[in-house]
Amino acid sequence: MGIWVGAHESQGFALQEALSCDVPLIVWNIRSMNQELGSNLPDIPATTIPYWNEQCGEFFYDKTEWETVFSKFQNNCVLGTYNPRQFILDNLSVDICEKRFMNIIRG
């Protein structure tokens, strides 16, 4: 299991690499680009986890959510609930991305 504290991501390659190694994550997510430390960015919607579902782990937005979400995350890790590698294989593998790309080209 891993803890991920980041900012906004366009694609999140490093995070996806952790998921592909079957590491469930708890992520402190963001809602806006202006949440990046030291930035003067506009209030544009953003996320730390652009590719994600319940197989990957848990996320939260505010520090007040930490204890509740972390407890759920720990329990689910013990139970083997998460399957982040399968999420990557089902949604972001080369074959899947190629099929999606070809469908866009073919219309």
C-alpha atoms as a PDB file:
ATOM      1  CA  MET A   1       0.000   0.000   0.000  1.00  0.00           C
ATOM      2  CA  GLY A   2       1.088   3.568  -0.618  1.00  0.00           C
ATOM      3  CA  ILE A   3       0.232   7.140   0.320  1.00  0.00           C
ATOM      4  CA  TRP A   4       0.174   9.665  -2.527  1.00  0.00           C
ATOM      5  CA  VAL A   5       0.296  13.408  -1.947  1.00  0.00           C
ATOM      6  CA  GLY A   6       0.421  15.315  -5.179  1.00  0.00           C
ATOM      7  CA  ALA A   7      -1.072  18.143  -7.167  1.00  0.00           C
ATOM      8  CA  HIS A   8      -2.964  18.168 -10.433  1.00  0.00           C
ATOM      9  CA  GLU A   9      -1.966  15.692 -13.126  1.00  0.00           C
ATOM     10  CA  SER A  10      -2.453  15.729 -16.850  1.00  0.00           C
ATOM     11  CA  GLN A  11      -1.950  11.981 -17.102  1.00  0.00           C
ATOM     12  CA  GLY A  12      -0.409  10.812 -13.834  1.00  0.00           C
ATOM     13  CA  PHE A  13       2.221   8.437 -15.233  1.00  0.00           C
ATOM     14  CA  ALA A  14       4.102   7.955 -11.945  1.00  0.00           C
ATOM     15  CA  LEU A  15       0.895   7.202 -10.070  1.00  0.00           C
ATOM     16  CA  GLN A  16      -0.187   4.775 -12.793  1.00  0.00           C
ATOM     17  CA  GLU A  17       3.184   3.058 -12.567  1.00  0.00           C
ATOM     18  CA  ALA A  18       2.606   2.413  -8.861  1.00  0.00           C
ATOM     19  CA  LEU A  19      -0.854   1.031  -9.650  1.00  0.00           C
ATOM     20  CA  SER A  20       0.586  -1.188 -12.398  1.00  0.00           C
ATOM     21  CA  CYS A  21       2.886  -2.721  -9.750  1.00  0.00           C
ATOM     22  CA  ASP A  22      -0.301  -3.676  -7.870  1.00  0.00           C
ATOM     23  CA  VAL A  23       0.226  -1.078  -5.133  1.00  0.00           C
ATOM     24  CA  PRO A  24      -3.106   0.186  -3.773  1.00  0.00           C
ATOM     25  CA  LEU A  25      -2.969   3.897  -2.968  1.00  0.00           C
ATOM     26  CA  ILE A  26      -4.608   6.376  -0.656  1.00  0.00           C
ATOM     27  CA  VAL A  27      -4.491   9.732  -2.423  1.00  0.00           C
ATOM     28  CA  TRP A  28      -4.914  13.241  -1.097  1.00  0.00           C
ATOM     29  CA  ASN A  29      -6.811  14.570  -4.097  1.00  0.00           C
ATOM     30  CA  ILE A  30      -7.390  18.162  -5.212  1.00  0.00           C
ATOM     31  CA  ARG A  31     -10.328  19.954  -6.804  1.00  0.00           C
ATOM     32  CA  SER A  32      -8.606  22.932  -8.457  1.00  0.00           C
ATOM     33  CA  MET A  33      -5.320  23.868 -10.111  1.00  0.00           C
ATOM     34  CA  ASN A  34      -4.966  26.754  -7.674  1.00  0.00           C
ATOM     35  CA  GLN A  35      -4.347  24.271  -4.842  1.00  0.00           C
ATOM     36  CA  GLU A  36      -0.807  23.657  -6.070  1.00  0.00           C
ATOM     37  CA  LEU A  37       1.610  24.907  -3.425  1.00  0.00           C
ATOM     38  CA  GLY A  38       2.935  28.361  -4.225  1.00  0.00           C
ATOM     39  CA  SER A  39       0.893  28.781  -7.389  1.00  0.00           C
ATOM     40  CA  ASN A  40      -1.168  31.682  -8.643  1.00  0.00           C
ATOM     41  CA  LEU A  41      -3.163  29.520 -11.013  1.00  0.00           C
ATOM     42  CA  PRO A  42      -6.818  30.230 -11.713  1.00  0.00           C
ATOM     43  CA  ASP A  43      -9.614  28.208 -10.123  1.00  0.00           C
ATOM     44  CA  ILE A  44      -9.725  25.584 -12.881  1.00  0.00           C
ATOM     45  CA  PRO A  45     -11.099  22.131 -11.996  1.00  0.00           C
ATOM     46  CA  ALA A  46      -8.346  19.536 -11.624  1.00  0.00           C
ATOM     47  CA  THR A  47      -7.570  16.191 -10.024  1.00  0.00           C
ATOM     48  CA  THR A  48      -4.576  14.228  -8.808  1.00  0.00           C
ATOM     49  CA  ILE A  49      -6.085  11.005 -10.163  1.00  0.00           C
ATOM     50  CA  PRO A  50      -7.367  11.390 -13.739  1.00  0.00           C
ATOM     51  CA  TYR A  51      -7.574   7.612 -14.206  1.00  0.00           C
ATOM     52  CA  TRP A  52      -9.039   5.847 -11.168  1.00  0.00           C
ATOM     53  CA  ASN A  53     -11.765   3.614  -9.807  1.00  0.00           C
ATOM     54  CA  GLU A  54     -12.508   1.669  -6.621  1.00  0.00           C
ATOM     55  CA  GLN A  55      -9.991  -1.037  -7.595  1.00  0.00           C
ATOM     56  CA  CYS A  56      -7.129   1.430  -7.103  1.00  0.00           C
ATOM     57  CA  GLY A  57      -7.634   2.377  -3.453  1.00  0.00           C
ATOM     58  CA  GLU A  58      -9.140   5.376  -1.688  1.00  0.00           C
ATOM     59  CA  PHE A  59      -8.922   9.147  -1.963  1.00  0.00           C
ATOM     60  CA  PHE A  60      -9.928  12.162   0.069  1.00  0.00           C
ATOM     61  CA  TYR A  61      -9.974  15.939  -0.401  1.00  0.00           C
ATOM     62  CA  ASP A  62      -9.711  17.423   3.071  1.00  0.00           C
ATOM     63  CA  LYS A  63      -7.462  16.629   6.044  1.00  0.00           C
ATOM     64  CA  THR A  64     -10.575  16.151   8.190  1.00  0.00           C
ATOM     65  CA  GLU A  65     -11.375  13.045   6.102  1.00  0.00           C
ATOM     66  CA  TRP A  66      -7.951  11.421   6.693  1.00  0.00           C
ATOM     67  CA  GLU A  67      -8.680   9.207   9.699  1.00  0.00           C
ATOM     68  CA  THR A  68     -11.920   7.776   8.320  1.00  0.00           C
ATOM     69  CA  VAL A  69     -10.567   7.148   4.835  1.00  0.00           C
ATOM     70  CA  PHE A  70      -7.245   5.764   6.096  1.00  0.00           C
ATOM     71  CA  SER A  71      -9.034   3.315   8.384  1.00  0.00           C
ATOM     72  CA  LYS A  72     -11.177   2.107   5.467  1.00  0.00           C
ATOM     73  CA  PHE A  73      -8.063   1.851   3.293  1.00  0.00           C
ATOM     74  CA  GLN A  74      -6.175  -0.237   5.871  1.00  0.00           C
ATOM     75  CA  ASN A  75      -9.106  -2.608   6.344  1.00  0.00           C
ATOM     76  CA  ASN A  76      -9.583  -3.055   2.610  1.00  0.00           C
ATOM     77  CA  CYS A  77      -5.854  -3.687   2.122  1.00  0.00           C
ATOM     78  CA  VAL A  78      -5.950  -6.428   4.748  1.00  0.00           C
ATOM     79  CA  LEU A  79      -8.988  -7.948   3.031  1.00  0.00           C
ATOM     80  CA  GLY A  80      -7.344  -7.758  -0.402  1.00  0.00           C
ATOM     81  CA  THR A  81     -10.194  -5.651  -1.776  1.00  0.00           C
ATOM     82  CA  TYR A  82      -8.091  -3.595  -4.176  1.00  0.00           C
ATOM     83  CA  ASN A  83      -6.751  -4.747  -7.528  1.00  0.00           C
ATOM     84  CA  PRO A  84      -4.951  -1.751  -9.034  1.00  0.00           C
ATOM     85  CA  ARG A  85      -2.949  -3.740 -11.574  1.00  0.00           C
ATOM     86  CA  GLN A  86      -6.135  -5.116 -13.072  1.00  0.00           C
ATOM     87  CA  PHE A  87      -7.484  -1.567 -13.381  1.00  0.00           C
ATOM     88  CA  ILE A  88      -4.387  -0.618 -15.402  1.00  0.00           C
ATOM     89  CA  LEU A  89      -4.647  -3.715 -17.598  1.00  0.00           C
ATOM     90  CA  ASP A  90      -8.371  -3.159 -18.217  1.00  0.00           C
ATOM     91  CA  ASN A  91      -8.175   0.572 -18.890  1.00  0.00           C
ATOM     92  CA  LEU A  92      -4.684   1.799 -19.734  1.00  0.00           C
ATOM     93  CA  SER A  93      -2.710  -1.033 -21.321  1.00  0.00           C
ATOM     94  CA  VAL A  94      -1.182  -0.519 -24.762  1.00  0.00           C
ATOM     95  CA  ASP A  95      -3.774  -2.821 -26.373  1.00  0.00           C
ATOM     96  CA  ILE A  96      -6.725  -1.024 -24.773  1.00  0.00           C
ATOM     97  CA  CYS A  97      -5.379   2.426 -25.651  1.00  0.00           C
ATOM     98  CA  GLU A  98      -4.683   1.310 -29.219  1.00  0.00           C
ATOM     99  CA  LYS A  99      -8.264   0.060 -29.617  1.00  0.00           C
ATOM    100  CA  ARG A 100      -9.663   3.336 -28.276  1.00  0.00           C
ATOM    101  CA  PHE A 101      -7.404   5.361 -30.568  1.00  0.00           C
ATOM    102  CA  MET A 102      -8.387   3.309 -33.623  1.00  0.00           C
ATOM    103  CA  ASN A 103     -12.080   3.716 -32.756  1.00  0.00           C
ATOM    104  CA  ILE A 104     -11.600   7.498 -32.687  1.00  0.00           C
ATOM    105  CA  ILE A 105      -9.854   7.465 -36.066  1.00  0.00           C
ATOM    106  CA  ARG A 106     -12.467   5.228 -37.648  1.00  0.00           C
ATOM    107  CA  GLY A 107     -15.247   7.391 -36.271  1.00  0.00           C
END
